[in-house]
Amino acid sequence: MLTEDRPVDAAAPGQPAGGRRPDDPLRRAALWVTAVVLPVVVVLLVLVRVVGDDGAPGGADDPVADVEGAPVPQRADLPPLPVAVPPVTPEAEAACPALVAALPLELAGEPSRRVESDSPFAYAWGEPPIVLVCGVDRPAGLEPTSPLIQINGVNWLVDTDDPGAIVWTAVDRPVYVQVTVSADTDSAPVTALGPVINDTLPVQEVRPGG
């Protein structure tokens, strides 16, 4: 009896008989990374997004901060302060904008506040207020023999006639700059203003009356 020889499927080199692919360890590792690591990364990203939106600095409810992380001073939540001023002169229009633009939002620990004034060259801080007016009239008390106080390079005439206030007037600039503080306030405000005045208003000879 003759036996018919049937062809046998030859397996590809490195592949077991029957057509089943060998178990690739690299492929198994890749599938494990996809199945386990990727969901963990997604969860971490979601957590970072939630925490960043709710509690990280820079959120909508956080105060504005400068590049070093210190909060930028804001205007005080105080009503506008009426400030009486003299008429604006051409000298004030020429000299005062630079000074007012350089004034700090915080002076001697007091935040700035809005003013109501007929001059754009009035500024105020805190309560009791510290009030600056650039371009005031020459002080009546400025005489050749008037004692002046020099602080940080600025010559000030000090008027203490009002028992409730002290009036400091810078008298060695192209315009007179007046700073009014309460009677119990020391020289800290004018001390802090000295560098600003020096940077924005050139020094000139004092012009006493008489």
N, C-alpha and C. Protein backbone atom coordinates (compact mmCIF):
# COMPACT_ATOMS: atom_id res chain seq x y z
N MET A 1 0.87 -1.18 0.00
CA MET A 1 0.00 0.00 0.00
C MET A 1 0.90 1.22 0.00
N LEU A 2 0.55 2.10 -0.96
CA LEU A 2 1.38 3.30 -1.08
C LEU A 2 0.91 4.36 -0.11
N THR A 3 1.85 5.03 0.48
CA THR A 3 1.50 6.14 1.40
C THR A 3 1.80 7.47 0.70
N GLU A 4 0.76 8.36 0.66
CA GLU A 4 0.94 9.66 -0.01
C GLU A 4 1.66 10.62 0.92
N ASP A 5 2.74 11.15 0.39
CA ASP A 5 3.48 12.14 1.19
C ASP A 5 2.80 13.50 1.09
N ARG A 6 2.38 14.07 2.23
CA ARG A 6 1.75 15.41 2.26
C ARG A 6 2.81 16.45 2.66
N PRO A 7 2.77 17.61 1.99
CA PRO A 7 3.75 18.66 2.35
C PRO A 7 3.48 19.21 3.74
N VAL A 8 4.52 19.43 4.42
CA VAL A 8 4.41 20.01 5.78
C VAL A 8 4.79 21.48 5.72
N ASP A 9 3.94 22.35 6.35
CA ASP A 9 4.23 23.80 6.36
C ASP A 9 5.53 24.04 7.06
N ALA A 10 6.39 24.72 6.38
CA ALA A 10 7.70 25.05 6.99
C ALA A 10 7.57 26.31 7.79
N ALA A 11 8.02 26.25 8.99
CA ALA A 11 7.98 27.46 9.84
C ALA A 11 9.11 28.39 9.45
N ALA A 12 8.82 29.68 9.54
CA ALA A 12 9.87 30.67 9.25
C ALA A 12 10.95 30.55 10.30
N PRO A 13 12.18 30.89 9.90
CA PRO A 13 13.28 30.80 10.89
C PRO A 13 12.96 31.59 12.12
N GLY A 14 13.16 31.00 13.27
CA GLY A 14 12.92 31.70 14.55
C GLY A 14 11.48 31.73 14.95
N GLN A 15 10.56 31.14 14.12
CA GLN A 15 9.13 31.15 14.44
C GLN A 15 8.67 29.74 14.67
N PRO A 16 7.96 29.46 15.76
CA PRO A 16 7.52 28.10 16.04
C PRO A 16 6.51 27.63 15.04
N ALA A 17 6.39 26.30 14.95
CA ALA A 17 5.43 25.72 14.03
C ALA A 17 4.03 26.10 14.43
N GLY A 18 3.13 26.10 13.41
CA GLY A 18 1.74 26.45 13.69
C GLY A 18 1.45 27.91 13.44
N GLY A 19 2.46 28.77 13.09
CA GLY A 19 2.21 30.17 12.74
C GLY A 19 2.16 31.12 13.89
N ARG A 20 2.28 30.66 15.15
CA ARG A 20 2.20 31.57 16.31
C ARG A 20 3.53 32.28 16.47
N ARG A 21 3.47 33.62 16.64
CA ARG A 21 4.68 34.43 16.81
C ARG A 21 5.28 34.21 18.18
N PRO A 22 6.60 34.22 18.25
CA PRO A 22 7.24 34.02 19.57
C PRO A 22 6.94 35.19 20.50
N ASP A 23 7.04 34.93 21.76
CA ASP A 23 6.80 35.96 22.78
C ASP A 23 8.01 36.88 22.83
N ASP A 24 7.78 38.19 22.39
CA ASP A 24 8.89 39.17 22.32
C ASP A 24 8.98 39.92 23.65
N PRO A 25 10.08 39.80 24.42
CA PRO A 25 10.18 40.48 25.73
C PRO A 25 10.17 41.99 25.60
N LEU A 26 10.74 42.54 24.52
CA LEU A 26 10.75 44.01 24.35
C LEU A 26 9.33 44.53 24.12
N ARG A 27 8.56 43.75 23.33
CA ARG A 27 7.18 44.16 23.08
C ARG A 27 6.37 44.11 24.35
N ARG A 28 6.61 43.07 25.18
CA ARG A 28 5.92 42.99 26.46
C ARG A 28 6.23 44.18 27.36
N ALA A 29 7.53 44.59 27.36
CA ALA A 29 7.91 45.76 28.20
C ALA A 29 7.23 47.02 27.72
N ALA A 30 7.15 47.20 26.39
CA ALA A 30 6.51 48.40 25.85
C ALA A 30 5.03 48.44 26.22
N LEU A 31 4.36 47.27 26.13
CA LEU A 31 2.95 47.23 26.50
C LEU A 31 2.76 47.51 27.98
N TRP A 32 3.67 47.04 28.81
CA TRP A 32 3.58 47.29 30.26
C TRP A 32 3.72 48.79 30.57
N VAL A 33 4.69 49.44 29.89
CA VAL A 33 4.87 50.88 30.10
C VAL A 33 3.63 51.64 29.69
N THR A 34 3.05 51.27 28.56
CA THR A 34 1.85 51.97 28.08
C THR A 34 0.68 51.78 29.03
N ALA A 35 0.55 50.55 29.56
CA ALA A 35 -0.61 50.25 30.39
C ALA A 35 -0.50 50.79 31.80
N VAL A 36 0.73 50.92 32.32
CA VAL A 36 0.90 51.29 33.73
C VAL A 36 1.40 52.72 33.89
N VAL A 37 2.48 53.06 33.16
CA VAL A 37 3.11 54.37 33.39
C VAL A 37 2.28 55.51 32.83
N LEU A 38 1.70 55.33 31.63
CA LEU A 38 0.95 56.43 31.02
C LEU A 38 -0.22 56.92 31.88
N PRO A 39 -1.05 56.00 32.44
CA PRO A 39 -2.13 56.51 33.32
C PRO A 39 -1.60 57.28 34.52
N VAL A 40 -0.45 56.85 35.07
CA VAL A 40 0.11 57.58 36.21
C VAL A 40 0.50 58.99 35.80
N VAL A 41 1.12 59.13 34.63
CA VAL A 41 1.52 60.47 34.15
C VAL A 41 0.30 61.35 33.95
N VAL A 42 -0.78 60.78 33.39
CA VAL A 42 -2.00 61.56 33.17
C VAL A 42 -2.57 62.05 34.49
N VAL A 43 -2.60 61.15 35.50
CA VAL A 43 -3.12 61.55 36.82
C VAL A 43 -2.29 62.67 37.41
N LEU A 44 -0.95 62.57 37.29
CA LEU A 44 -0.08 63.62 37.84
C LEU A 44 -0.34 64.96 37.15
N LEU A 45 -0.51 64.94 35.83
CA LEU A 45 -0.77 66.19 35.11
C LEU A 45 -2.08 66.82 35.55
N VAL A 46 -3.11 65.98 35.77
CA VAL A 46 -4.39 66.52 36.23
C VAL A 46 -4.25 67.14 37.60
N LEU A 47 -3.52 66.48 38.50
CA LEU A 47 -3.32 67.03 39.85
C LEU A 47 -2.58 68.34 39.80
N VAL A 48 -1.52 68.43 38.98
CA VAL A 48 -0.77 69.68 38.87
C VAL A 48 -1.65 70.80 38.36
N ARG A 49 -2.51 70.50 37.38
CA ARG A 49 -3.40 71.51 36.83
C ARG A 49 -4.39 72.03 37.86
N VAL A 50 -4.96 71.08 38.65
CA VAL A 50 -5.93 71.49 39.67
C VAL A 50 -5.27 72.33 40.75
N VAL A 51 -4.12 71.85 41.26
CA VAL A 51 -3.42 72.61 42.31
C VAL A 51 -2.97 73.96 41.78
N GLY A 52 -2.47 73.98 40.55
CA GLY A 52 -2.00 75.25 39.99
C GLY A 52 -3.11 76.25 39.83
N ASP A 53 -4.33 75.78 39.46
CA ASP A 53 -5.44 76.71 39.28
C ASP A 53 -5.97 77.23 40.60
N ASP A 54 -5.94 76.37 41.64
CA ASP A 54 -6.60 76.73 42.90
C ASP A 54 -5.68 77.39 43.90
N GLY A 55 -4.39 77.01 43.96
CA GLY A 55 -3.57 77.47 45.06
C GLY A 55 -2.25 78.06 44.68
N ALA A 56 -1.82 77.94 43.42
CA ALA A 56 -0.49 78.43 43.07
C ALA A 56 -0.48 79.93 42.95
N PRO A 57 0.66 80.58 43.28
CA PRO A 57 0.75 82.03 43.10
C PRO A 57 0.52 82.37 41.64
N GLY A 58 -0.13 83.54 41.45
CA GLY A 58 -0.42 83.97 40.10
C GLY A 58 -1.84 83.66 39.68
N GLY A 59 -2.64 83.02 40.57
CA GLY A 59 -4.03 82.76 40.26
C GLY A 59 -4.81 84.06 40.21
N ALA A 60 -6.08 83.95 39.83
CA ALA A 60 -6.87 85.16 39.62
C ALA A 60 -7.06 85.94 40.90
N ASP A 61 -7.08 85.25 42.06
CA ASP A 61 -7.35 85.93 43.32
C ASP A 61 -6.09 86.34 44.04
N ASP A 62 -4.92 86.04 43.50
CA ASP A 62 -3.68 86.38 44.18
C ASP A 62 -3.28 87.80 43.87
N PRO A 63 -2.61 88.52 44.82
CA PRO A 63 -2.11 89.86 44.50
C PRO A 63 -1.02 89.78 43.46
N VAL A 64 -0.91 90.89 42.68
CA VAL A 64 0.14 90.95 41.67
C VAL A 64 1.49 90.93 42.36
N ALA A 65 2.43 90.19 41.81
CA ALA A 65 3.75 90.09 42.40
C ALA A 65 4.80 90.49 41.39
N ASP A 66 5.91 91.04 41.85
CA ASP A 66 7.00 91.40 40.97
C ASP A 66 7.86 90.18 40.69
N VAL A 67 8.93 90.37 39.95
CA VAL A 67 9.74 89.24 39.52
C VAL A 67 10.42 88.55 40.70
N GLU A 68 10.56 89.19 41.83
CA GLU A 68 11.20 88.58 42.98
C GLU A 68 10.19 87.97 43.95
N GLY A 69 8.91 88.06 43.62
CA GLY A 69 7.88 87.44 44.46
C GLY A 69 7.29 88.36 45.51
N ALA A 70 7.80 89.59 45.65
CA ALA A 70 7.25 90.50 46.64
C ALA A 70 5.99 91.16 46.09
N PRO A 71 4.90 91.26 46.87
CA PRO A 71 3.68 91.88 46.36
C PRO A 71 3.92 93.32 45.96
N VAL A 72 3.35 93.69 44.82
CA VAL A 72 3.43 95.07 44.37
C VAL A 72 2.44 95.91 45.17
N PRO A 73 2.86 97.07 45.76
CA PRO A 73 1.92 97.87 46.53
C PRO A 73 0.73 98.32 45.69
N GLN A 74 -0.43 98.36 46.31
CA GLN A 74 -1.65 98.80 45.65
C GLN A 74 -2.14 100.08 46.31
N ARG A 75 -3.04 100.80 45.63
CA ARG A 75 -3.62 102.00 46.23
C ARG A 75 -4.50 101.61 47.42
N ALA A 76 -4.50 102.45 48.42
CA ALA A 76 -5.31 102.18 49.60
C ALA A 76 -6.80 102.29 49.27
N ASP A 77 -7.58 101.47 49.95
CA ASP A 77 -9.03 101.50 49.76
C ASP A 77 -9.61 102.60 50.65
N LEU A 78 -9.29 103.85 50.27
CA LEU A 78 -9.74 105.03 51.01
C LEU A 78 -10.48 105.96 50.06
N PRO A 79 -11.39 106.78 50.60
CA PRO A 79 -12.11 107.71 49.70
C PRO A 79 -11.14 108.74 49.12
N PRO A 80 -11.45 109.28 47.95
CA PRO A 80 -10.59 110.32 47.37
C PRO A 80 -10.43 111.49 48.34
N LEU A 81 -9.22 112.03 48.37
CA LEU A 81 -8.90 113.11 49.30
C LEU A 81 -8.93 114.45 48.57
N PRO A 82 -9.78 115.40 49.02
CA PRO A 82 -9.76 116.72 48.41
C PRO A 82 -8.45 117.44 48.75
N VAL A 83 -7.79 117.99 47.74
CA VAL A 83 -6.52 118.70 47.93
C VAL A 83 -6.62 120.06 47.27
N ALA A 84 -6.45 121.11 48.06
CA ALA A 84 -6.46 122.47 47.51
C ALA A 84 -5.09 122.76 46.90
N VAL A 85 -5.10 123.35 45.71
CA VAL A 85 -3.85 123.63 45.00
C VAL A 85 -3.93 125.01 44.37
N PRO A 86 -2.78 125.65 44.14
CA PRO A 86 -2.78 126.91 43.41
C PRO A 86 -2.94 126.64 41.92
N PRO A 87 -3.20 127.69 41.13
CA PRO A 87 -3.28 127.49 39.68
C PRO A 87 -1.99 126.90 39.13
N VAL A 88 -2.13 126.05 38.13
CA VAL A 88 -0.97 125.42 37.51
C VAL A 88 -0.24 126.44 36.64
N THR A 89 1.06 126.58 36.88
CA THR A 89 1.88 127.54 36.13
C THR A 89 2.63 126.83 35.00
N PRO A 90 3.14 127.59 34.02
CA PRO A 90 3.97 126.97 32.98
C PRO A 90 5.19 126.27 33.55
N GLU A 91 5.75 126.81 34.63
CA GLU A 91 6.90 126.16 35.26
C GLU A 91 6.52 124.79 35.81
N ALA A 92 5.33 124.71 36.43
CA ALA A 92 4.86 123.42 36.95
C ALA A 92 4.58 122.44 35.82
N GLU A 93 3.99 122.92 34.74
CA GLU A 93 3.71 122.03 33.61
C GLU A 93 4.99 121.47 33.01
N ALA A 94 6.08 122.25 33.09
CA ALA A 94 7.34 121.78 32.51
C ALA A 94 8.08 120.83 33.44
N ALA A 95 8.00 121.06 34.76
CA ALA A 95 8.86 120.32 35.69
C ALA A 95 8.14 119.19 36.42
N CYS A 96 6.86 119.35 36.73
CA CYS A 96 6.20 118.43 37.65
C CYS A 96 5.84 117.06 37.07
N PRO A 97 5.53 116.92 35.77
CA PRO A 97 5.16 115.58 35.29
C PRO A 97 6.20 114.51 35.59
N ALA A 98 7.48 114.84 35.44
CA ALA A 98 8.52 113.84 35.70
C ALA A 98 8.52 113.41 37.16
N LEU A 99 8.33 114.36 38.07
CA LEU A 99 8.30 114.02 39.50
C LEU A 99 7.10 113.15 39.83
N VAL A 100 5.93 113.56 39.37
CA VAL A 100 4.71 112.82 39.71
C VAL A 100 4.77 111.40 39.14
N ALA A 101 5.31 111.25 37.94
CA ALA A 101 5.40 109.92 37.33
C ALA A 101 6.33 108.99 38.11
N ALA A 102 7.29 109.57 38.84
CA ALA A 102 8.26 108.74 39.58
C ALA A 102 7.87 108.52 41.03
N LEU A 103 6.78 109.09 41.49
CA LEU A 103 6.39 108.93 42.89
C LEU A 103 6.02 107.47 43.19
N PRO A 104 6.40 106.97 44.37
CA PRO A 104 6.14 105.56 44.69
C PRO A 104 4.70 105.32 45.10
N LEU A 105 4.24 104.09 44.88
CA LEU A 105 2.91 103.71 45.34
C LEU A 105 2.87 103.54 46.85
N GLU A 106 4.02 103.42 47.49
CA GLU A 106 4.08 103.31 48.95
C GLU A 106 5.15 104.25 49.46
N LEU A 107 4.82 105.03 50.46
CA LEU A 107 5.76 106.00 51.03
C LEU A 107 5.75 105.88 52.54
N ALA A 108 6.92 105.60 53.11
CA ALA A 108 7.06 105.47 54.57
C ALA A 108 6.03 104.49 55.14
N GLY A 109 5.79 103.40 54.41
CA GLY A 109 4.85 102.39 54.88
C GLY A 109 3.40 102.69 54.60
N GLU A 110 3.10 103.81 53.95
CA GLU A 110 1.71 104.19 53.67
C GLU A 110 1.42 104.02 52.17
N PRO A 111 0.30 103.36 51.82
CA PRO A 111 -0.05 103.20 50.40
C PRO A 111 -0.62 104.49 49.83
N SER A 112 -0.48 104.66 48.54
CA SER A 112 -1.02 105.85 47.90
C SER A 112 -2.54 105.81 47.89
N ARG A 113 -3.15 106.97 47.72
CA ARG A 113 -4.60 107.07 47.65
C ARG A 113 -4.97 108.12 46.60
N ARG A 114 -6.18 108.04 46.12
CA ARG A 114 -6.62 108.98 45.10
C ARG A 114 -6.92 110.34 45.71
N VAL A 115 -6.76 111.37 44.85
CA VAL A 115 -7.04 112.73 45.31
C VAL A 115 -8.06 113.39 44.37
N GLU A 116 -8.74 114.38 44.89
CA GLU A 116 -9.59 115.25 44.09
C GLU A 116 -8.93 116.62 44.08
N SER A 117 -8.50 117.07 42.91
CA SER A 117 -7.71 118.28 42.84
C SER A 117 -7.86 118.92 41.46
N ASP A 118 -7.67 120.23 41.41
CA ASP A 118 -7.68 120.94 40.13
C ASP A 118 -6.33 120.86 39.44
N SER A 119 -5.37 120.23 40.06
CA SER A 119 -4.04 120.09 39.47
C SER A 119 -3.71 118.60 39.33
N PRO A 120 -3.07 118.22 38.22
CA PRO A 120 -2.64 116.82 38.10
C PRO A 120 -1.37 116.53 38.89
N PHE A 121 -0.87 117.55 39.60
CA PHE A 121 0.41 117.41 40.29
C PHE A 121 0.25 117.31 41.80
N ALA A 122 -0.90 116.77 42.22
CA ALA A 122 -1.14 116.50 43.65
C ALA A 122 -1.18 115.00 43.85
N TYR A 123 -0.65 114.55 44.99
CA TYR A 123 -0.54 113.11 45.27
C TYR A 123 -0.69 112.92 46.77
N ALA A 124 -1.16 111.75 47.19
CA ALA A 124 -1.36 111.52 48.62
C ALA A 124 -1.13 110.05 48.96
N TRP A 125 -0.81 109.83 50.23
CA TRP A 125 -0.61 108.48 50.77
C TRP A 125 -1.26 108.39 52.15
N GLY A 126 -1.89 107.26 52.44
CA GLY A 126 -2.26 106.89 53.79
C GLY A 126 -3.29 107.74 54.49
N GLU A 127 -3.47 107.40 55.77
CA GLU A 127 -4.41 108.09 56.66
C GLU A 127 -3.86 108.03 58.09
N PRO A 128 -3.59 109.18 58.77
CA PRO A 128 -3.74 110.54 58.25
C PRO A 128 -2.87 110.76 57.01
N PRO A 129 -3.34 111.58 56.10
CA PRO A 129 -2.69 111.63 54.79
C PRO A 129 -1.35 112.34 54.80
N ILE A 130 -0.50 111.87 53.92
CA ILE A 130 0.72 112.58 53.51
C ILE A 130 0.40 113.15 52.14
N VAL A 131 0.47 114.45 51.99
CA VAL A 131 0.03 115.10 50.75
C VAL A 131 1.19 115.83 50.10
N LEU A 132 1.42 115.54 48.84
CA LEU A 132 2.46 116.24 48.07
C LEU A 132 1.78 117.05 46.97
N VAL A 133 2.23 118.29 46.83
CA VAL A 133 1.79 119.14 45.72
C VAL A 133 3.03 119.73 45.06
N CYS A 134 3.17 119.51 43.78
CA CYS A 134 4.29 120.06 43.02
C CYS A 134 3.84 121.34 42.33
N GLY A 135 4.66 122.38 42.44
CA GLY A 135 4.35 123.65 41.79
C GLY A 135 3.54 124.61 42.64
N VAL A 136 3.78 124.61 43.97
CA VAL A 136 3.08 125.56 44.85
C VAL A 136 3.77 126.91 44.79
N ASP A 137 3.11 127.90 45.39
CA ASP A 137 3.69 129.25 45.45
C ASP A 137 4.90 129.26 46.37
N ARG A 138 5.75 130.26 46.20
CA ARG A 138 6.89 130.41 47.09
C ARG A 138 6.40 130.59 48.53
N PRO A 139 6.94 129.81 49.47
CA PRO A 139 6.48 129.93 50.85
C PRO A 139 6.70 131.35 51.39
N ALA A 140 5.69 131.86 52.09
CA ALA A 140 5.80 133.22 52.65
C ALA A 140 6.91 133.31 53.66
N GLY A 141 7.23 132.22 54.32
CA GLY A 141 8.27 132.24 55.34
C GLY A 141 9.68 132.08 54.82
N LEU A 142 9.86 132.01 53.51
CA LEU A 142 11.20 131.83 52.96
C LEU A 142 11.91 133.18 52.86
N GLU A 143 12.83 133.40 53.74
CA GLU A 143 13.60 134.65 53.81
C GLU A 143 15.09 134.32 53.72
N PRO A 144 15.92 135.34 53.49
CA PRO A 144 17.37 135.07 53.42
C PRO A 144 17.93 134.42 54.68
N THR A 145 17.29 134.68 55.81
CA THR A 145 17.80 134.11 57.07
C THR A 145 17.00 132.89 57.54
N SER A 146 16.10 132.40 56.69
CA SER A 146 15.27 131.27 57.10
C SER A 146 16.13 130.02 57.29
N PRO A 147 15.96 129.32 58.41
CA PRO A 147 16.70 128.06 58.59
C PRO A 147 16.12 126.97 57.67
N LEU A 148 17.02 126.28 57.01
CA LEU A 148 16.61 125.19 56.13
C LEU A 148 17.18 123.88 56.67
N ILE A 149 16.48 122.81 56.38
CA ILE A 149 16.93 121.47 56.77
C ILE A 149 17.25 120.69 55.49
N GLN A 150 18.48 120.23 55.38
CA GLN A 150 18.85 119.44 54.20
C GLN A 150 18.77 117.95 54.54
N ILE A 151 17.99 117.23 53.75
CA ILE A 151 17.82 115.79 53.93
C ILE A 151 17.98 115.12 52.56
N ASN A 152 18.92 114.20 52.48
CA ASN A 152 19.16 113.49 51.22
C ASN A 152 19.38 114.45 50.05
N GLY A 153 20.08 115.53 50.30
CA GLY A 153 20.43 116.44 49.23
C GLY A 153 19.36 117.45 48.87
N VAL A 154 18.26 117.49 49.58
CA VAL A 154 17.17 118.44 49.29
C VAL A 154 17.05 119.41 50.46
N ASN A 155 16.96 120.70 50.14
CA ASN A 155 16.79 121.73 51.16
C ASN A 155 15.30 121.97 51.39
N TRP A 156 14.88 121.79 52.65
CA TRP A 156 13.48 121.94 53.01
C TRP A 156 13.29 123.12 53.97
N LEU A 157 12.25 123.89 53.72
CA LEU A 157 11.76 124.87 54.69
C LEU A 157 10.62 124.21 55.45
N VAL A 158 10.70 124.25 56.79
CA VAL A 158 9.71 123.56 57.61
C VAL A 158 8.82 124.58 58.30
N ASP A 159 7.50 124.42 58.12
CA ASP A 159 6.51 125.31 58.72
C ASP A 159 5.69 124.52 59.73
N THR A 160 5.77 124.95 61.00
CA THR A 160 5.03 124.28 62.08
C THR A 160 3.98 125.19 62.69
N ASP A 161 3.56 126.22 61.95
CA ASP A 161 2.58 127.16 62.51
C ASP A 161 1.23 126.49 62.78
N ASP A 162 0.86 125.53 61.96
CA ASP A 162 -0.41 124.81 62.17
C ASP A 162 -0.17 123.73 63.22
N PRO A 163 -0.89 123.78 64.35
CA PRO A 163 -0.64 122.77 65.41
C PRO A 163 -1.00 121.35 64.98
N GLY A 164 -1.78 121.20 63.92
CA GLY A 164 -2.18 119.86 63.50
C GLY A 164 -1.40 119.30 62.33
N ALA A 165 -0.47 120.11 61.77
CA ALA A 165 0.24 119.64 60.58
C ALA A 165 1.63 120.26 60.52
N ILE A 166 2.51 119.59 59.79
CA ILE A 166 3.84 120.10 59.49
C ILE A 166 3.94 120.21 57.97
N VAL A 167 4.37 121.36 57.49
CA VAL A 167 4.49 121.59 56.05
C VAL A 167 5.96 121.68 55.68
N TRP A 168 6.41 120.74 54.86
CA TRP A 168 7.77 120.74 54.34
C TRP A 168 7.73 121.25 52.91
N THR A 169 8.60 122.19 52.57
CA THR A 169 8.65 122.70 51.19
C THR A 169 10.07 122.63 50.67
N ALA A 170 10.26 121.87 49.58
CA ALA A 170 11.57 121.82 48.92
C ALA A 170 11.76 123.13 48.17
N VAL A 171 12.85 123.86 48.50
CA VAL A 171 13.01 125.23 48.00
C VAL A 171 14.21 125.39 47.05
N ASP A 172 14.86 124.31 46.67
CA ASP A 172 16.05 124.44 45.82
C ASP A 172 15.86 123.74 44.48
N ARG A 173 14.63 123.80 43.94
CA ARG A 173 14.31 123.19 42.65
C ARG A 173 13.64 124.23 41.74
N PRO A 174 13.46 123.91 40.45
CA PRO A 174 12.81 124.88 39.55
C PRO A 174 11.39 125.23 39.98
N VAL A 175 10.73 124.34 40.71
CA VAL A 175 9.41 124.61 41.28
C VAL A 175 9.45 124.22 42.75
N TYR A 176 8.55 124.78 43.52
CA TYR A 176 8.45 124.43 44.93
C TYR A 176 7.60 123.17 45.09
N VAL A 177 8.10 122.25 45.90
CA VAL A 177 7.38 121.00 46.15
C VAL A 177 7.00 120.97 47.62
N GLN A 178 5.72 120.88 47.90
CA GLN A 178 5.21 120.94 49.27
C GLN A 178 4.73 119.56 49.72
N VAL A 179 5.15 119.17 50.91
CA VAL A 179 4.72 117.90 51.50
C VAL A 179 4.12 118.22 52.87
N THR A 180 2.86 117.89 53.05
CA THR A 180 2.16 118.17 54.31
C THR A 180 1.87 116.85 55.02
N VAL A 181 2.23 116.79 56.29
CA VAL A 181 2.02 115.58 57.09
C VAL A 181 1.34 115.99 58.40
N SER A 182 0.84 115.00 59.13
CA SER A 182 0.25 115.29 60.43
C SER A 182 1.34 115.70 61.42
N ALA A 183 0.93 116.39 62.49
CA ALA A 183 1.88 116.95 63.43
C ALA A 183 2.71 115.89 64.14
N ASP A 184 2.22 114.67 64.21
CA ASP A 184 2.97 113.62 64.90
C ASP A 184 3.77 112.74 63.94
N THR A 185 3.92 113.17 62.70
CA THR A 185 4.70 112.41 61.71
C THR A 185 6.12 112.96 61.65
N ASP A 186 7.10 112.06 61.64
CA ASP A 186 8.50 112.51 61.61
C ASP A 186 8.94 112.81 60.17
N SER A 187 10.23 112.85 59.94
CA SER A 187 10.75 113.22 58.63
C SER A 187 10.87 112.05 57.65
N ALA A 188 10.32 110.88 58.01
CA ALA A 188 10.47 109.71 57.14
C ALA A 188 9.92 109.95 55.73
N PRO A 189 8.75 110.60 55.56
CA PRO A 189 8.26 110.81 54.19
C PRO A 189 9.19 111.66 53.33
N VAL A 190 9.67 112.77 53.85
CA VAL A 190 10.54 113.62 53.03
C VAL A 190 11.91 112.98 52.83
N THR A 191 12.33 112.18 53.80
CA THR A 191 13.59 111.45 53.62
C THR A 191 13.47 110.48 52.44
N ALA A 192 12.34 109.77 52.36
CA ALA A 192 12.13 108.83 51.26
C ALA A 192 11.93 109.55 49.93
N LEU A 193 11.39 110.75 49.96
CA LEU A 193 11.16 111.49 48.71
C LEU A 193 12.43 112.14 48.17
N GLY A 194 13.45 112.29 49.00
CA GLY A 194 14.67 112.95 48.56
C GLY A 194 15.25 112.38 47.27
N PRO A 195 15.50 111.07 47.18
CA PRO A 195 16.06 110.52 45.95
C PRO A 195 15.17 110.73 44.73
N VAL A 196 13.85 110.68 44.91
CA VAL A 196 12.93 110.89 43.78
C VAL A 196 13.05 112.33 43.27
N ILE A 197 13.09 113.27 44.20
CA ILE A 197 13.23 114.68 43.81
C ILE A 197 14.57 114.91 43.12
N ASN A 198 15.63 114.33 43.67
CA ASN A 198 16.95 114.49 43.06
C ASN A 198 17.01 113.93 41.64
N ASP A 199 16.29 112.84 41.41
CA ASP A 199 16.34 112.19 40.11
C ASP A 199 15.49 112.89 39.06
N THR A 200 14.52 113.69 39.48
CA THR A 200 13.57 114.26 38.51
C THR A 200 13.59 115.78 38.41
N LEU A 201 14.09 116.46 39.44
CA LEU A 201 14.12 117.93 39.43
C LEU A 201 15.55 118.40 39.67
N PRO A 202 16.11 119.18 38.77
CA PRO A 202 17.49 119.63 38.96
C PRO A 202 17.61 120.61 40.13
N VAL A 203 18.78 120.58 40.75
CA VAL A 203 19.05 121.50 41.85
C VAL A 203 19.27 122.91 41.30
N GLN A 204 18.79 123.89 42.01
CA GLN A 204 19.10 125.28 41.67
C GLN A 204 19.22 126.08 42.97
N GLU A 205 19.77 127.27 42.83
CA GLU A 205 20.00 128.11 44.00
C GLU A 205 18.69 128.50 44.65
N VAL A 206 18.69 128.50 45.98
CA VAL A 206 17.50 128.90 46.72
C VAL A 206 17.21 130.37 46.44
N ARG A 207 15.94 130.70 46.22
CA ARG A 207 15.53 132.07 45.90
C ARG A 207 14.69 132.63 47.05
N PRO A 208 15.33 133.13 48.09
CA PRO A 208 14.56 133.67 49.23
C PRO A 208 13.92 135.00 48.86
N GLY A 209 12.88 135.35 49.59
CA GLY A 209 12.22 136.63 49.38
C GLY A 209 12.94 137.73 50.13
N GLY A 210 12.28 138.86 50.29
CA GLY A 210 12.87 139.97 51.05
C GLY A 210 13.52 140.99 50.16
